[in-house]
Amino acid sequence: MAYKINDNCISCGACEPQCPVGAISEGEGKYEINPDICVDCGSCAGVCPVGAPNPEK
């Protein structure tokens, strides 16, 4: 199960360097997580000031 960044993302970039597998990149208007690479570690969620990354259901 991968994490996904919701629309609360403010594109601050705090999450990108925290990803141990490089699954996060800047998208149009918000950051995006590549679900094929994400290892569901939650590192991104721990540093996000607005709680945008969440586990996909």
C-alpha atoms as a PDB file:
ATOM      1  CA  MET A   1       0.000   0.000   0.000  1.00  0.00           C
ATOM      2  CA  ALA A   2       1.574   3.289  -1.083  1.00  0.00           C
ATOM      3  CA  TYR A   3       1.204   6.758   0.356  1.00  0.00           C
ATOM      4  CA  LYS A   4      -0.578   9.441  -1.640  1.00  0.00           C
ATOM      5  CA  ILE A   5      -0.337  13.231  -1.309  1.00  0.00           C
ATOM      6  CA  ASN A   6      -3.735  14.907  -1.055  1.00  0.00           C
ATOM      7  CA  ASP A   7      -4.810  18.387  -2.142  1.00  0.00           C
ATOM      8  CA  ASN A   8      -3.721  19.923   1.179  1.00  0.00           C
ATOM      9  CA  CYS A   9      -0.147  19.915  -0.216  1.00  0.00           C
ATOM     10  CA  ILE A  10       1.415  23.398  -0.170  1.00  0.00           C
ATOM     11  CA  SER A  11       4.433  22.350  -2.299  1.00  0.00           C
ATOM     12  CA  CYS A  12       6.908  23.190   0.467  1.00  0.00           C
ATOM     13  CA  GLY A  13       9.187  20.291  -0.524  1.00  0.00           C
ATOM     14  CA  ALA A  14       9.792  19.020   3.027  1.00  0.00           C
ATOM     15  CA  CYS A  15       8.780  15.477   2.086  1.00  0.00           C
ATOM     16  CA  GLU A  16      10.964  14.935  -0.975  1.00  0.00           C
ATOM     17  CA  PRO A  17      14.378  14.644   0.747  1.00  0.00           C
ATOM     18  CA  GLN A  18      12.891  12.407   3.467  1.00  0.00           C
ATOM     19  CA  CYS A  19      11.877   9.650   1.052  1.00  0.00           C
ATOM     20  CA  PRO A  20      14.477   6.851   1.307  1.00  0.00           C
ATOM     21  CA  VAL A  21      13.597   5.435  -2.122  1.00  0.00           C
ATOM     22  CA  GLY A  22      13.152   8.671  -4.109  1.00  0.00           C
ATOM     23  CA  ALA A  23       9.450   8.120  -4.798  1.00  0.00           C
ATOM     24  CA  ILE A  24       8.458  11.780  -4.325  1.00  0.00           C
ATOM     25  CA  SER A  25       8.733  14.407  -7.037  1.00  0.00           C
ATOM     26  CA  GLU A  26       7.303  17.843  -7.707  1.00  0.00           C
ATOM     27  CA  GLY A  27       4.142  17.676  -9.770  1.00  0.00           C
ATOM     28  CA  GLU A  28       1.794  20.326 -11.085  1.00  0.00           C
ATOM     29  CA  GLY A  29       0.486  22.235  -8.095  1.00  0.00           C
ATOM     30  CA  LYS A  30       1.560  19.636  -5.520  1.00  0.00           C
ATOM     31  CA  TYR A  31       4.118  16.927  -4.893  1.00  0.00           C
ATOM     32  CA  GLU A  32       3.406  13.383  -6.068  1.00  0.00           C
ATOM     33  CA  ILE A  33       4.387   9.923  -4.858  1.00  0.00           C
ATOM     34  CA  ASN A  34       5.141   7.184  -7.378  1.00  0.00           C
ATOM     35  CA  PRO A  35       3.133   4.212  -6.017  1.00  0.00           C
ATOM     36  CA  ASP A  36       5.369   1.728  -7.839  1.00  0.00           C
ATOM     37  CA  ILE A  37       8.393   2.903  -5.827  1.00  0.00           C
ATOM     38  CA  CYS A  38       6.823   3.856  -2.456  1.00  0.00           C
ATOM     39  CA  VAL A  39       7.659   1.410   0.354  1.00  0.00           C
ATOM     40  CA  ASP A  40       4.956   2.681   2.744  1.00  0.00           C
ATOM     41  CA  CYS A  41       7.459   3.871   5.371  1.00  0.00           C
ATOM     42  CA  GLY A  42       5.617   7.075   6.324  1.00  0.00           C
ATOM     43  CA  SER A  43       8.737   9.263   6.446  1.00  0.00           C
ATOM     44  CA  CYS A  44       7.017  11.849   4.260  1.00  0.00           C
ATOM     45  CA  ALA A  45       3.986  12.066   6.539  1.00  0.00           C
ATOM     46  CA  GLY A  46       6.189  12.672   9.554  1.00  0.00           C
ATOM     47  CA  VAL A  47       7.651  15.903   8.178  1.00  0.00           C
ATOM     48  CA  CYS A  48       4.673  17.368   6.314  1.00  0.00           C
ATOM     49  CA  PRO A  49       3.426  20.573   8.007  1.00  0.00           C
ATOM     50  CA  VAL A  50      -0.117  20.137   6.604  1.00  0.00           C
ATOM     51  CA  GLY A  51      -0.530  16.340   6.784  1.00  0.00           C
ATOM     52  CA  ALA A  52      -0.856  15.881   3.027  1.00  0.00           C
ATOM     53  CA  PRO A  53       0.744  12.403   2.628  1.00  0.00           C
ATOM     54  CA  ASN A  54      -1.593   9.627   3.720  1.00  0.00           C
ATOM     55  CA  PRO A  55      -1.730   5.853   3.196  1.00  0.00           C
ATOM     56  CA  GLU A  56      -3.864   4.874   0.215  1.00  0.00           C
ATOM     57  CA  LYS A  57      -6.930   2.837   1.069  1.00  0.00           C
END
